[in-house]
N, C-alpha and C. Protein backbone atom coordinates (compact mmCIF):
# COMPACT_ATOMS: atom_id res chain seq x y z
N MET A 1 139.26 71.11 124.82
CA MET A 1 140.59 71.20 124.21
C MET A 1 140.54 72.26 123.11
N GLU A 2 141.52 73.12 123.13
CA GLU A 2 141.59 74.20 122.16
C GLU A 2 142.61 73.84 121.07
N GLU A 3 142.26 74.10 119.80
CA GLU A 3 143.17 73.82 118.69
C GLU A 3 143.38 75.09 117.88
N ILE A 4 144.64 75.43 117.64
CA ILE A 4 144.99 76.56 116.80
C ILE A 4 146.16 76.16 115.91
N GLN A 5 146.48 76.98 114.91
CA GLN A 5 147.65 76.76 114.07
C GLN A 5 148.67 77.83 114.37
N GLU A 6 149.93 77.41 114.37
CA GLU A 6 151.02 78.32 114.71
C GLU A 6 152.25 77.96 113.88
N VAL A 7 152.98 78.96 113.44
CA VAL A 7 154.23 78.72 112.72
C VAL A 7 155.34 78.56 113.76
N ARG A 8 155.99 77.41 113.72
CA ARG A 8 157.06 77.08 114.67
C ARG A 8 158.20 76.40 113.92
N PHE A 9 159.37 76.39 114.56
CA PHE A 9 160.52 75.68 114.01
C PHE A 9 160.35 74.19 114.27
N CYS A 10 160.41 73.40 113.22
CA CYS A 10 160.32 71.94 113.34
C CYS A 10 161.74 71.37 113.27
N GLU A 11 162.13 70.66 114.30
CA GLU A 11 163.48 70.07 114.33
C GLU A 11 163.62 68.94 113.31
N ASN A 12 162.53 68.27 113.01
CA ASN A 12 162.57 67.18 112.04
C ASN A 12 162.71 67.72 110.61
N CYS A 13 162.01 68.79 110.28
CA CYS A 13 162.08 69.41 108.95
C CYS A 13 163.25 70.39 108.83
N SER A 14 163.78 70.85 109.96
CA SER A 14 164.87 71.83 110.03
C SER A 14 164.50 73.18 109.44
N ARG A 15 163.22 73.57 109.59
CA ARG A 15 162.76 74.88 109.14
C ARG A 15 161.45 75.21 109.82
N GLU A 16 160.96 76.41 109.60
CA GLU A 16 159.69 76.80 110.19
C GLU A 16 158.54 76.25 109.37
N THR A 17 157.61 75.60 110.03
CA THR A 17 156.44 75.03 109.37
C THR A 17 155.20 75.34 110.21
N VAL A 18 154.03 75.08 109.63
CA VAL A 18 152.77 75.28 110.34
C VAL A 18 152.53 74.07 111.23
N HIS A 19 152.21 74.33 112.49
CA HIS A 19 151.92 73.27 113.46
C HIS A 19 150.49 73.41 113.96
N MET A 20 149.83 72.29 114.18
CA MET A 20 148.56 72.28 114.88
C MET A 20 148.88 72.26 116.36
N VAL A 21 148.33 73.16 117.11
CA VAL A 21 148.60 73.26 118.53
C VAL A 21 147.33 72.86 119.27
N ARG A 22 147.43 71.85 120.11
CA ARG A 22 146.32 71.40 120.93
C ARG A 22 146.68 71.63 122.39
N GLU A 23 145.84 72.36 123.06
CA GLU A 23 146.12 72.69 124.45
C GLU A 23 144.98 72.23 125.34
N ASP A 24 145.34 71.53 126.40
CA ASP A 24 144.37 71.16 127.42
C ASP A 24 144.95 71.58 128.77
N PRO A 25 144.24 71.37 129.86
CA PRO A 25 144.73 71.87 131.16
C PRO A 25 146.08 71.33 131.62
N LEU A 26 146.50 70.17 131.12
CA LEU A 26 147.74 69.56 131.61
C LEU A 26 148.91 69.59 130.63
N GLU A 27 148.63 69.71 129.33
CA GLU A 27 149.72 69.66 128.36
C GLU A 27 149.40 70.46 127.11
N ILE A 28 150.45 70.72 126.35
CA ILE A 28 150.35 71.36 125.04
C ILE A 28 151.00 70.40 124.05
N GLU A 29 150.31 70.12 122.95
CA GLU A 29 150.82 69.21 121.94
C GLU A 29 151.00 69.98 120.63
N TYR A 30 152.17 69.83 120.01
CA TYR A 30 152.48 70.47 118.73
C TYR A 30 152.62 69.37 117.69
N ILE A 31 151.91 69.51 116.56
CA ILE A 31 151.97 68.52 115.49
C ILE A 31 152.32 69.24 114.19
N CYS A 32 153.44 68.89 113.60
CA CYS A 32 153.86 69.50 112.34
C CYS A 32 152.93 69.04 111.22
N GLN A 33 152.47 69.99 110.41
CA GLN A 33 151.55 69.66 109.34
C GLN A 33 152.25 69.05 108.13
N GLU A 34 153.57 69.16 108.06
CA GLU A 34 154.30 68.62 106.92
C GLU A 34 154.86 67.22 107.18
N CYS A 35 155.47 67.01 108.34
CA CYS A 35 156.08 65.70 108.61
C CYS A 35 155.33 64.91 109.67
N ASN A 36 154.31 65.54 110.29
CA ASN A 36 153.47 64.89 111.30
C ASN A 36 154.24 64.55 112.58
N ASP A 37 155.31 65.27 112.84
CA ASP A 37 156.10 65.09 114.05
C ASP A 37 155.33 65.63 115.25
N HIS A 38 155.30 64.87 116.35
CA HIS A 38 154.58 65.27 117.57
C HIS A 38 155.58 65.70 118.65
N GLN A 39 155.25 66.81 119.30
CA GLN A 39 156.00 67.25 120.47
C GLN A 39 154.99 67.57 121.56
N GLU A 40 155.25 67.09 122.76
CA GLU A 40 154.36 67.35 123.87
C GLU A 40 155.12 68.09 124.97
N MET A 41 154.46 69.07 125.55
CA MET A 41 155.02 69.82 126.66
C MET A 41 154.03 69.74 127.80
N PHE A 42 154.49 69.28 128.94
CA PHE A 42 153.62 69.18 130.11
C PHE A 42 153.71 70.48 130.90
N LYS A 43 152.58 70.98 131.29
CA LYS A 43 152.55 72.22 132.06
C LYS A 43 152.96 71.94 133.50
N SER A 44 153.72 72.87 134.03
CA SER A 44 154.16 72.75 135.40
C SER A 44 153.49 73.85 136.23
N PHE A 45 152.96 73.49 137.36
CA PHE A 45 152.27 74.45 138.20
C PHE A 45 153.09 74.83 139.43
N PHE A 46 154.38 74.48 139.42
CA PHE A 46 155.23 74.78 140.55
C PHE A 46 156.17 75.91 140.25
């Protein structure tokens, strides 16, 4: 699993914040460093 930090818009904070990005073969998980909000995106191979 790869982990990087990325600046993204957080819908919970309503502004751009730093997110921890965790990527594995099936999904990408974004975790806001300020409010700890989790967003998951499942990869589609179709």
